[in-house]
Amino acid sequence: MENVLNISALVKQYGRITAVNNLSMKVPEASVFGILGPNGSGKTTTLSIILGIVNADSGYFDWFDGLNASESRMNIGSLLEKPNFYPYLTAVENLKITADIKEIPYTNIAEVLDTVSLLDRKDSKFSTFSTGMKQRLGIANALLANPDVLVLDEPTNGLDPQGISDIRQIIIALGDSGKTIILASHLLDEVEKVCSHVAVIKKGKLLASGPVADALNAEGKIVLAADNLSQLSSFLSKHYNISKIEKEDDKLVIPMGTLYPAEINQKLSKAGIYLKHLSIRQKSLESQFLELTADDDD
């Protein structure tokens, strides 16, 4: 099985608002897959649809090569909102209630508490937990049935730096164990640090999808300078078919693409053009994400 989830042309409208707009994507097995976009971009609605909580207006999706949400439910753990447990029951007691509802034995409770580093607080009341601890207990709850897939909506939202770090380490460890993690986030830093794949969405539309670096296309540029910029520009246009050459002060900037700076320098030297500056300017994932999601006329 190559993909655990296939989504095709999903549409969901709320009155005049199109929350999900012809959305298609594939989630590879054993990936940590981030759905990245600004607030209001349709991330939560998309997760609600694939979990069978909300019905799409059109389009379809399937899990595990053909199963719908209800058929695959026991193999998918999820945490979409802030964890909601009984405040005056302990961690173990709350998890036992979930196990009873799901009709599964209590045998995994200690293991999932250990996974989220809460085993030493198993007999503490939920009301005594910090926000980060509550979130970790929510993840433990989602892991009770030992699902192959874990779906998380903004898992670090509202947490302090230590809480964010704790959740990230849990996600990385679960991904390393072979589970598929699907998480929605508006934070590029979160996706960049924990995800192997990403889908960037805006206003319910897919803008890019694939491995993180490829999807965000963090392509660099080459910066060059010579005594005669006009001669340098003409040579680059003629020999490398570069359509866009930018001028910045006394330098030229060209897209890197498949070009090799050392090769360019060698060919220029043979042509009698000697560079006095040559450097690579790598575009950050942040700048590319901001470009993708920037407001525009549409």
C-alpha atoms as a PDB file:
ATOM      1  CA  MET A   1       0.000   0.000   0.000  1.00  0.00           C
ATOM      2  CA  GLU A   2       1.588   3.272  -1.101  1.00  0.00           C
ATOM      3  CA  ASN A   3      -0.966   5.759   0.245  1.00  0.00           C
ATOM      4  CA  VAL A   4      -3.038   5.524   3.401  1.00  0.00           C
ATOM      5  CA  LEU A   5      -5.384   8.288   2.238  1.00  0.00           C
ATOM      6  CA  ASN A   6      -6.569   9.432  -1.181  1.00  0.00           C
ATOM      7  CA  ILE A   7      -8.599  12.633  -1.487  1.00  0.00           C
ATOM      8  CA  SER A   8     -10.179  13.633  -4.785  1.00  0.00           C
ATOM      9  CA  ALA A   9     -11.997  16.870  -5.670  1.00  0.00           C
ATOM     10  CA  LEU A  10     -13.503  17.486  -2.230  1.00  0.00           C
ATOM     11  CA  VAL A  11     -15.866  20.441  -1.954  1.00  0.00           C
ATOM     12  CA  LYS A  12     -17.555  21.766   1.166  1.00  0.00           C
ATOM     13  CA  GLN A  13     -19.556  24.977   1.370  1.00  0.00           C
ATOM     14  CA  TYR A  14     -21.118  26.788   4.308  1.00  0.00           C
ATOM     15  CA  GLY A  15     -23.585  29.166   2.710  1.00  0.00           C
ATOM     16  CA  ARG A  16     -21.571  31.491   0.503  1.00  0.00           C
ATOM     17  CA  ILE A  17     -18.277  30.381   2.009  1.00  0.00           C
ATOM     18  CA  THR A  18     -16.363  27.616   0.222  1.00  0.00           C
ATOM     19  CA  ALA A  19     -14.330  26.017   2.986  1.00  0.00           C
ATOM     20  CA  VAL A  20     -12.876  23.226   0.809  1.00  0.00           C
ATOM     21  CA  ASN A  21     -12.502  23.953  -2.890  1.00  0.00           C
ATOM     22  CA  ASN A  22     -11.916  20.993  -5.237  1.00  0.00           C
ATOM     23  CA  LEU A  23      -9.202  19.616  -2.964  1.00  0.00           C
ATOM     24  CA  SER A  24      -7.184  16.572  -4.048  1.00  0.00           C
ATOM     25  CA  MET A  25      -4.132  15.045  -2.396  1.00  0.00           C
ATOM     26  CA  LYS A  26      -2.526  11.766  -1.369  1.00  0.00           C
ATOM     27  CA  VAL A  27      -0.980  10.913   1.998  1.00  0.00           C
ATOM     28  CA  PRO A  28       1.888   8.398   1.743  1.00  0.00           C
ATOM     29  CA  GLU A  29       2.092   5.529   4.188  1.00  0.00           C
ATOM     30  CA  ALA A  30       4.431   6.069   7.172  1.00  0.00           C
ATOM     31  CA  SER A  31       4.783   9.790   6.445  1.00  0.00           C
ATOM     32  CA  VAL A  32       4.362  12.727   8.782  1.00  0.00           C
ATOM     33  CA  PHE A  33       2.046  14.743   6.568  1.00  0.00           C
ATOM     34  CA  GLY A  34       1.361  18.391   7.344  1.00  0.00           C
ATOM     35  CA  ILE A  35      -1.658  20.282   6.059  1.00  0.00           C
ATOM     36  CA  LEU A  36      -0.310  23.813   6.176  1.00  0.00           C
ATOM     37  CA  GLY A  37      -2.213  27.023   5.661  1.00  0.00           C
ATOM     38  CA  PRO A  38      -3.304  30.287   7.272  1.00  0.00           C
ATOM     39  CA  ASN A  39      -6.151  30.300   9.759  1.00  0.00           C
ATOM     40  CA  GLY A  40      -9.441  29.864   7.917  1.00  0.00           C
ATOM     41  CA  SER A  41      -7.882  28.002   4.998  1.00  0.00           C
ATOM     42  CA  GLY A  42     -10.046  24.883   5.387  1.00  0.00           C
ATOM     43  CA  LYS A  43      -7.668  22.643   7.337  1.00  0.00           C
ATOM     44  CA  THR A  44     -10.060  21.666  10.137  1.00  0.00           C
ATOM     45  CA  THR A  45     -12.951  21.157   7.719  1.00  0.00           C
ATOM     46  CA  THR A  46     -10.769  18.842   5.622  1.00  0.00           C
ATOM     47  CA  LEU A  47      -9.815  16.788   8.680  1.00  0.00           C
ATOM     48  CA  SER A  48     -13.462  16.647   9.786  1.00  0.00           C
ATOM     49  CA  ILE A  49     -14.471  15.293   6.378  1.00  0.00           C
ATOM     50  CA  ILE A  50     -11.846  12.549   6.243  1.00  0.00           C
ATOM     51  CA  LEU A  51     -12.801  11.480   9.779  1.00  0.00           C
ATOM     52  CA  GLY A  52     -16.480  11.211   8.851  1.00  0.00           C
ATOM     53  CA  ILE A  53     -17.559  14.046  11.165  1.00  0.00           C
ATOM     54  CA  VAL A  54     -18.633  16.363   8.329  1.00  0.00           C
ATOM     55  CA  ASN A  55     -20.043  15.322   4.959  1.00  0.00           C
ATOM     56  CA  ALA A  56     -18.515  16.801   1.813  1.00  0.00           C
ATOM     57  CA  ASP A  57     -20.827  18.364  -0.765  1.00  0.00           C
ATOM     58  CA  SER A  58     -18.980  16.579  -3.553  1.00  0.00           C
ATOM     59  CA  GLY A  59     -15.801  14.648  -4.244  1.00  0.00           C
ATOM     60  CA  TYR A  60     -14.626  11.576  -2.388  1.00  0.00           C
ATOM     61  CA  PHE A  61     -11.881  10.105  -0.247  1.00  0.00           C
ATOM     62  CA  ASP A  62     -10.861   6.645   0.888  1.00  0.00           C
ATOM     63  CA  TRP A  63      -8.562   5.145   3.510  1.00  0.00           C
ATOM     64  CA  PHE A  64      -6.308   2.125   3.169  1.00  0.00           C
ATOM     65  CA  ASP A  65      -7.060   1.362  -0.493  1.00  0.00           C
ATOM     66  CA  GLY A  66     -10.825   1.619  -0.455  1.00  0.00           C
ATOM     67  CA  LEU A  67     -12.245   1.947   3.066  1.00  0.00           C
ATOM     68  CA  ASN A  68     -14.545   4.791   4.067  1.00  0.00           C
ATOM     69  CA  ALA A  69     -14.265   6.696   7.347  1.00  0.00           C
ATOM     70  CA  SER A  70     -16.570   4.409   9.346  1.00  0.00           C
ATOM     71  CA  GLU A  71     -14.889   1.213   8.091  1.00  0.00           C
ATOM     72  CA  SER A  72     -11.432   2.489   8.992  1.00  0.00           C
ATOM     73  CA  ARG A  73     -12.319   4.217  12.275  1.00  0.00           C
ATOM     74  CA  MET A  74     -10.595   1.744  14.618  1.00  0.00           C
ATOM     75  CA  ASN A  75      -7.351   2.141  12.679  1.00  0.00           C
ATOM     76  CA  ILE A  76      -7.344   5.933  12.964  1.00  0.00           C
ATOM     77  CA  GLY A  77      -6.735   7.918  16.146  1.00  0.00           C
ATOM     78  CA  SER A  78      -7.580  11.603  16.228  1.00  0.00           C
ATOM     79  CA  LEU A  79      -7.423  14.757  18.292  1.00  0.00           C
ATOM     80  CA  LEU A  80      -9.295  17.622  16.634  1.00  0.00           C
ATOM     81  CA  GLU A  81     -10.087  19.902  19.532  1.00  0.00           C
ATOM     82  CA  LYS A  82      -8.706  20.567  22.990  1.00  0.00           C
ATOM     83  CA  PRO A  83      -8.849  17.354  25.027  1.00  0.00           C
ATOM     84  CA  ASN A  84     -12.101  17.071  26.980  1.00  0.00           C
ATOM     85  CA  PHE A  85     -11.784  14.748  29.967  1.00  0.00           C
ATOM     86  CA  TYR A  86     -13.487  14.512  33.337  1.00  0.00           C
ATOM     87  CA  PRO A  87     -11.491  16.971  35.490  1.00  0.00           C
ATOM     88  CA  TYR A  88     -11.757  15.071  38.796  1.00  0.00           C
ATOM     89  CA  LEU A  89     -10.822  11.686  37.389  1.00  0.00           C
ATOM     90  CA  THR A  90      -7.225  10.561  37.024  1.00  0.00           C
ATOM     91  CA  ALA A  91      -5.412  10.046  33.719  1.00  0.00           C
ATOM     92  CA  VAL A  92      -5.902   6.287  33.975  1.00  0.00           C
ATOM     93  CA  GLU A  93      -9.579   6.589  34.888  1.00  0.00           C
ATOM     94  CA  ASN A  94     -10.252   8.869  31.941  1.00  0.00           C
ATOM     95  CA  LEU A  95      -8.496   6.518  29.540  1.00  0.00           C
ATOM     96  CA  LYS A  96     -10.456   3.555  30.916  1.00  0.00           C
ATOM     97  CA  ILE A  97     -13.685   5.345  29.986  1.00  0.00           C
ATOM     98  CA  THR A  98     -12.447   5.760  26.411  1.00  0.00           C
ATOM     99  CA  ALA A  99     -11.389   2.095  26.316  1.00  0.00           C
ATOM    100  CA  ASP A 100     -14.869   1.065  27.469  1.00  0.00           C
ATOM    101  CA  ILE A 101     -16.509   3.214  24.782  1.00  0.00           C
ATOM    102  CA  LYS A 102     -14.261   1.728  22.096  1.00  0.00           C
ATOM    103  CA  GLU A 103     -14.685  -1.735  23.572  1.00  0.00           C
ATOM    104  CA  ILE A 104     -10.968  -2.367  23.833  1.00  0.00           C
ATOM    105  CA  PRO A 105      -9.015  -3.786  26.820  1.00  0.00           C
ATOM    106  CA  TYR A 106      -7.060  -1.647  29.267  1.00  0.00           C
ATOM    107  CA  THR A 107      -3.775  -3.314  28.358  1.00  0.00           C
ATOM    108  CA  ASN A 108      -2.459  -0.374  26.281  1.00  0.00           C
ATOM    109  CA  ILE A 109      -3.092   2.345  28.883  1.00  0.00           C
ATOM    110  CA  ALA A 110       0.309   2.169  30.564  1.00  0.00           C
ATOM    111  CA  GLU A 111       2.079   2.028  27.203  1.00  0.00           C
ATOM    112  CA  VAL A 112       0.352   5.081  25.725  1.00  0.00           C
ATOM    113  CA  LEU A 113       0.912   7.071  28.929  1.00  0.00           C
ATOM    114  CA  ASP A 114       4.588   6.164  28.721  1.00  0.00           C
ATOM    115  CA  THR A 115       4.662   7.214  25.047  1.00  0.00           C
ATOM    116  CA  VAL A 116       3.524  10.729  25.986  1.00  0.00           C
ATOM    117  CA  SER A 117       5.678  10.853  29.159  1.00  0.00           C
ATOM    118  CA  LEU A 118       2.740  10.841  31.570  1.00  0.00           C
ATOM    119  CA  LEU A 119       3.157   7.439  33.186  1.00  0.00           C
ATOM    120  CA  ASP A 120       4.438   9.041  36.398  1.00  0.00           C
ATOM    121  CA  ARG A 121       1.247  11.139  36.523  1.00  0.00           C
ATOM    122  CA  LYS A 122      -1.161   8.300  35.796  1.00  0.00           C
ATOM    123  CA  ASP A 123      -2.932   8.696  39.152  1.00  0.00           C
ATOM    124  CA  SER A 124      -3.106  12.501  39.025  1.00  0.00           C
ATOM    125  CA  LYS A 125      -6.432  14.211  38.402  1.00  0.00           C
ATOM    126  CA  PHE A 126      -6.882  15.800  34.973  1.00  0.00           C
ATOM    127  CA  SER A 127      -7.662  19.137  36.651  1.00  0.00           C
ATOM    128  CA  THR A 128      -4.067  19.288  37.950  1.00  0.00           C
ATOM    129  CA  PHE A 129      -2.509  18.963  34.486  1.00  0.00           C
ATOM    130  CA  SER A 130      -0.903  21.842  32.604  1.00  0.00           C
ATOM    131  CA  THR A 131      -2.150  22.704  29.114  1.00  0.00           C
ATOM    132  CA  GLY A 132       0.713  20.753  27.563  1.00  0.00           C
ATOM    133  CA  MET A 133       0.037  17.721  29.747  1.00  0.00           C
ATOM    134  CA  LYS A 134      -3.655  17.821  28.806  1.00  0.00           C
ATOM    135  CA  GLN A 135      -2.677  17.849  25.145  1.00  0.00           C
ATOM    136  CA  ARG A 136      -0.345  14.893  25.655  1.00  0.00           C
ATOM    137  CA  LEU A 137      -3.122  12.968  27.409  1.00  0.00           C
ATOM    138  CA  GLY A 138      -5.315  13.704  24.389  1.00  0.00           C
ATOM    139  CA  ILE A 139      -2.686  12.126  22.150  1.00  0.00           C
ATOM    140  CA  ALA A 140      -2.466   9.128  24.494  1.00  0.00           C
ATOM    141  CA  ASN A 141      -6.243   8.806  24.222  1.00  0.00           C
ATOM    142  CA  ALA A 142      -6.005   8.800  20.417  1.00  0.00           C
ATOM    143  CA  LEU A 143      -3.359   6.056  20.583  1.00  0.00           C
ATOM    144  CA  LEU A 144      -5.338   3.683  22.816  1.00  0.00           C
ATOM    145  CA  ALA A 145      -6.439   1.327  20.043  1.00  0.00           C
ATOM    146  CA  ASN A 146      -2.894   1.312  18.568  1.00  0.00           C
ATOM    147  CA  PRO A 147      -4.009   2.875  15.245  1.00  0.00           C
ATOM    148  CA  ASP A 148      -1.790   2.999  12.179  1.00  0.00           C
ATOM    149  CA  VAL A 149      -2.812   6.621  11.519  1.00  0.00           C
ATOM    150  CA  LEU A 150      -2.965   9.585  13.897  1.00  0.00           C
ATOM    151  CA  VAL A 151      -4.815  12.777  12.882  1.00  0.00           C
ATOM    152  CA  LEU A 152      -4.029  15.952  14.833  1.00  0.00           C
ATOM    153  CA  ASP A 153      -5.464  19.458  14.426  1.00  0.00           C
ATOM    154  CA  GLU A 154      -3.064  22.244  15.487  1.00  0.00           C
ATOM    155  CA  PRO A 155      -1.433  20.008  18.134  1.00  0.00           C
ATOM    156  CA  THR A 156       0.859  22.735  19.532  1.00  0.00           C
ATOM    157  CA  ASN A 157      -1.678  25.568  19.501  1.00  0.00           C
ATOM    158  CA  GLY A 158      -1.649  27.575  22.733  1.00  0.00           C
ATOM    159  CA  LEU A 159       1.303  25.761  24.276  1.00  0.00           C
ATOM    160  CA  ASP A 160       4.403  27.311  25.821  1.00  0.00           C
ATOM    161  CA  PRO A 161       7.825  26.583  24.253  1.00  0.00           C
ATOM    162  CA  GLN A 162       8.397  23.523  26.460  1.00  0.00           C
ATOM    163  CA  GLY A 163       4.940  22.158  25.648  1.00  0.00           C
ATOM    164  CA  ILE A 164       5.554  22.696  21.931  1.00  0.00           C
ATOM    165  CA  SER A 165       8.881  20.866  22.153  1.00  0.00           C
ATOM    166  CA  ASP A 166       7.273  17.951  24.028  1.00  0.00           C
ATOM    167  CA  ILE A 167       4.538  17.501  21.401  1.00  0.00           C
ATOM    168  CA  ARG A 168       7.032  17.739  18.562  1.00  0.00           C
ATOM    169  CA  GLN A 169       9.231  15.033  20.075  1.00  0.00           C
ATOM    170  CA  ILE A 170       6.198  12.753  20.482  1.00  0.00           C
ATOM    171  CA  ILE A 171       5.186  13.264  16.842  1.00  0.00           C
ATOM    172  CA  ILE A 172       8.724  12.601  15.606  1.00  0.00           C
ATOM    173  CA  ALA A 173       8.972   9.430  17.694  1.00  0.00           C
ATOM    174  CA  LEU A 174       5.587   8.160  16.475  1.00  0.00           C
ATOM    175  CA  GLY A 175       6.603   8.860  12.884  1.00  0.00           C
ATOM    176  CA  ASP A 176       9.882   7.004  13.403  1.00  0.00           C
ATOM    177  CA  SER A 177       7.902   4.033  14.737  1.00  0.00           C
ATOM    178  CA  GLY A 178       6.124   3.704  11.381  1.00  0.00           C
ATOM    179  CA  LYS A 179       2.819   5.378  12.123  1.00  0.00           C
ATOM    180  CA  THR A 180       1.342   7.798   9.612  1.00  0.00           C
ATOM    181  CA  ILE A 181       0.740  11.214  11.184  1.00  0.00           C
ATOM    182  CA  ILE A 182      -1.569  13.768   9.556  1.00  0.00           C
ATOM    183  CA  LEU A 183      -1.456  17.151  11.250  1.00  0.00           C
ATOM    184  CA  ALA A 184      -2.952  20.527  10.412  1.00  0.00           C
ATOM    185  CA  SER A 185      -1.004  23.656  11.291  1.00  0.00           C
ATOM    186  CA  HIS A 186      -0.700  27.313  10.381  1.00  0.00           C
ATOM    187  CA  LEU A 187       2.909  27.302  11.604  1.00  0.00           C
ATOM    188  CA  LEU A 188       5.594  26.690   9.005  1.00  0.00           C
ATOM    189  CA  ASP A 189       8.188  26.106  11.728  1.00  0.00           C
ATOM    190  CA  GLU A 190       6.135  23.239  13.132  1.00  0.00           C
ATOM    191  CA  VAL A 191       5.741  21.565   9.740  1.00  0.00           C
ATOM    192  CA  GLU A 192       9.373  22.115   8.786  1.00  0.00           C
ATOM    193  CA  LYS A 193      10.630  20.505  12.014  1.00  0.00           C
ATOM    194  CA  VAL A 194       8.406  17.413  12.173  1.00  0.00           C
ATOM    195  CA  CYS A 195       6.891  16.704   8.746  1.00  0.00           C
ATOM    196  CA  SER A 196       8.247  14.691   5.838  1.00  0.00           C
ATOM    197  CA  HIS A 197       5.456  15.801   3.475  1.00  0.00           C
ATOM    198  CA  VAL A 198       3.180  18.810   3.258  1.00  0.00           C
ATOM    199  CA  ALA A 199       0.115  20.109   1.458  1.00  0.00           C
ATOM    200  CA  VAL A 200      -0.177  23.906   1.395  1.00  0.00           C
ATOM    201  CA  ILE A 201      -3.758  25.144   1.169  1.00  0.00           C
ATOM    202  CA  LYS A 202      -5.369  28.569   1.036  1.00  0.00           C
ATOM    203  CA  LYS A 203      -9.082  29.345   0.931  1.00  0.00           C
ATOM    204  CA  GLY A 204      -9.736  25.620   0.573  1.00  0.00           C
ATOM    205  CA  LYS A 205      -7.529  25.273  -2.518  1.00  0.00           C
ATOM    206  CA  LEU A 206      -4.400  23.176  -2.817  1.00  0.00           C
ATOM    207  CA  LEU A 207      -1.387  25.338  -3.688  1.00  0.00           C
ATOM    208  CA  ALA A 208       1.394  22.763  -3.443  1.00  0.00           C
ATOM    209  CA  SER A 209       1.923  19.208  -2.217  1.00  0.00           C
ATOM    210  CA  GLY A 210       4.779  16.743  -1.807  1.00  0.00           C
ATOM    211  CA  PRO A 211       7.952  16.323   0.269  1.00  0.00           C
ATOM    212  CA  VAL A 212       8.441  19.475   2.341  1.00  0.00           C
ATOM    213  CA  ALA A 213      11.388  20.985   0.439  1.00  0.00           C
ATOM    214  CA  ASP A 214       9.928  20.095  -2.968  1.00  0.00           C
ATOM    215  CA  ALA A 215       6.409  21.340  -2.208  1.00  0.00           C
ATOM    216  CA  LEU A 216       7.640  24.670  -0.932  1.00  0.00           C
ATOM    217  CA  ASN A 217      10.194  24.809  -3.739  1.00  0.00           C
ATOM    218  CA  ALA A 218      12.906  26.510  -1.733  1.00  0.00           C
ATOM    219  CA  GLU A 219      14.976  27.195  -4.846  1.00  0.00           C
ATOM    220  CA  GLY A 220      18.017  29.359  -4.519  1.00  0.00           C
ATOM    221  CA  LYS A 221      19.484  32.068  -6.693  1.00  0.00           C
ATOM    222  CA  ILE A 222      23.000  32.792  -7.950  1.00  0.00           C
ATOM    223  CA  VAL A 223      24.415  36.274  -7.415  1.00  0.00           C
ATOM    224  CA  LEU A 224      27.183  37.429  -9.782  1.00  0.00           C
ATOM    225  CA  ALA A 225      29.164  40.594 -10.416  1.00  0.00           C
ATOM    226  CA  ALA A 226      31.758  41.646 -12.981  1.00  0.00           C
ATOM    227  CA  ASP A 227      33.256  44.914 -14.205  1.00  0.00           C
ATOM    228  CA  ASN A 228      30.975  44.895 -17.271  1.00  0.00           C
ATOM    229  CA  LEU A 229      27.442  43.877 -16.207  1.00  0.00           C
ATOM    230  CA  SER A 230      26.018  44.290 -19.716  1.00  0.00           C
ATOM    231  CA  GLN A 231      28.566  41.853 -21.128  1.00  0.00           C
ATOM    232  CA  LEU A 232      27.884  39.431 -18.263  1.00  0.00           C
ATOM    233  CA  SER A 233      24.122  39.648 -18.788  1.00  0.00           C
ATOM    234  CA  SER A 234      24.431  39.041 -22.536  1.00  0.00           C
ATOM    235  CA  PHE A 235      26.631  35.980 -21.992  1.00  0.00           C
ATOM    236  CA  LEU A 236      24.210  34.476 -19.468  1.00  0.00           C
ATOM    237  CA  SER A 237      21.219  35.061 -21.749  1.00  0.00           C
ATOM    238  CA  LYS A 238      22.951  33.596 -24.774  1.00  0.00           C
ATOM    239  CA  HIS A 239      24.620  30.544 -23.252  1.00  0.00           C
ATOM    240  CA  TYR A 240      22.145  29.556 -20.525  1.00  0.00           C
ATOM    241  CA  ASN A 241      18.836  30.699 -21.974  1.00  0.00           C
ATOM    242  CA  ILE A 242      17.972  32.519 -18.760  1.00  0.00           C
ATOM    243  CA  SER A 243      14.784  34.476 -19.285  1.00  0.00           C
ATOM    244  CA  LYS A 244      14.864  36.434 -16.025  1.00  0.00           C
ATOM    245  CA  ILE A 245      17.990  38.278 -14.939  1.00  0.00           C
ATOM    246  CA  GLU A 246      17.529  40.708 -12.070  1.00  0.00           C
ATOM    247  CA  LYS A 247      19.848  43.649 -11.385  1.00  0.00           C
ATOM    248  CA  GLU A 248      20.578  44.518  -7.766  1.00  0.00           C
ATOM    249  CA  ASP A 249      22.953  47.478  -7.405  1.00  0.00           C
ATOM    250  CA  ASP A 250      26.213  46.291  -9.005  1.00  0.00           C
ATOM    251  CA  LYS A 251      25.213  42.611  -9.182  1.00  0.00           C
ATOM    252  CA  LEU A 252      23.080  40.286 -11.314  1.00  0.00           C
ATOM    253  CA  VAL A 253      20.771  37.683  -9.784  1.00  0.00           C
ATOM    254  CA  ILE A 254      19.646  34.573 -11.703  1.00  0.00           C
ATOM    255  CA  PRO A 255      17.530  31.554 -10.689  1.00  0.00           C
ATOM    256  CA  MET A 256      19.722  28.629  -9.708  1.00  0.00           C
ATOM    257  CA  GLY A 257      17.651  25.820 -11.183  1.00  0.00           C
ATOM    258  CA  THR A 258      20.071  23.145 -12.426  1.00  0.00           C
ATOM    259  CA  LEU A 259      22.959  25.569 -12.902  1.00  0.00           C
ATOM    260  CA  TYR A 260      26.310  24.970 -11.221  1.00  0.00           C
ATOM    261  CA  PRO A 261      28.134  28.149 -10.071  1.00  0.00           C
ATOM    262  CA  ALA A 262      31.599  26.632 -10.609  1.00  0.00           C
ATOM    263  CA  GLU A 263      30.727  25.691 -14.187  1.00  0.00           C
ATOM    264  CA  ILE A 264      29.401  29.177 -14.915  1.00  0.00           C
ATOM    265  CA  ASN A 265      32.565  30.748 -13.515  1.00  0.00           C
ATOM    266  CA  GLN A 266      34.737  28.471 -15.674  1.00  0.00           C
ATOM    267  CA  LYS A 267      32.875  29.270 -18.885  1.00  0.00           C
ATOM    268  CA  LEU A 268      32.908  32.989 -18.146  1.00  0.00           C
ATOM    269  CA  SER A 269      36.672  32.917 -17.569  1.00  0.00           C
ATOM    270  CA  LYS A 270      37.203  31.179 -20.919  1.00  0.00           C
ATOM    271  CA  ALA A 271      35.158  33.947 -22.535  1.00  0.00           C
ATOM    272  CA  GLY A 272      37.313  36.597 -20.903  1.00  0.00           C
ATOM    273  CA  ILE A 273      34.708  37.643 -18.348  1.00  0.00           C
ATOM    274  CA  TYR A 274      36.086  37.552 -14.827  1.00  0.00           C
ATOM    275  CA  LEU A 275      33.766  37.559 -11.862  1.00  0.00           C
ATOM    276  CA  LYS A 276      34.479  39.693  -8.827  1.00  0.00           C
ATOM    277  CA  HIS A 277      31.555  38.234  -6.911  1.00  0.00           C
ATOM    278  CA  LEU A 278      29.853  34.834  -6.964  1.00  0.00           C
ATOM    279  CA  SER A 279      27.498  33.556  -4.259  1.00  0.00           C
ATOM    280  CA  ILE A 280      24.403  31.421  -3.706  1.00  0.00           C
ATOM    281  CA  ARG A 281      21.330  32.937  -2.096  1.00  0.00           C
ATOM    282  CA  GLN A 282      19.086  30.177  -0.763  1.00  0.00           C
ATOM    283  CA  LYS A 283      15.406  31.029  -0.526  1.00  0.00           C
ATOM    284  CA  SER A 284      14.023  30.122   2.855  1.00  0.00           C
ATOM    285  CA  LEU A 285      10.986  27.896   3.225  1.00  0.00           C
ATOM    286  CA  GLU A 286       9.391  30.760   5.140  1.00  0.00           C
ATOM    287  CA  SER A 287       9.687  33.217   2.267  1.00  0.00           C
ATOM    288  CA  GLN A 288       8.305  30.669  -0.189  1.00  0.00           C
ATOM    289  CA  PHE A 289       5.382  29.855   2.112  1.00  0.00           C
ATOM    290  CA  LEU A 290       4.587  33.550   2.482  1.00  0.00           C
ATOM    291  CA  GLU A 291       4.680  33.957  -1.297  1.00  0.00           C
ATOM    292  CA  LEU A 292       2.349  31.006  -1.790  1.00  0.00           C
ATOM    293  CA  THR A 293      -0.195  32.202   0.754  1.00  0.00           C
ATOM    294  CA  ALA A 294       0.024  35.964   0.189  1.00  0.00           C
ATOM    295  CA  ASP A 295      -3.238  37.773  -0.446  1.00  0.00           C
ATOM    296  CA  ASP A 296      -3.938  38.439  -4.090  1.00  0.00           C
ATOM    297  CA  ASP A 297      -6.714  39.837  -6.249  1.00  0.00           C
ATOM    298  CA  ASP A 298      -8.680  36.591  -6.394  1.00  0.00           C
END
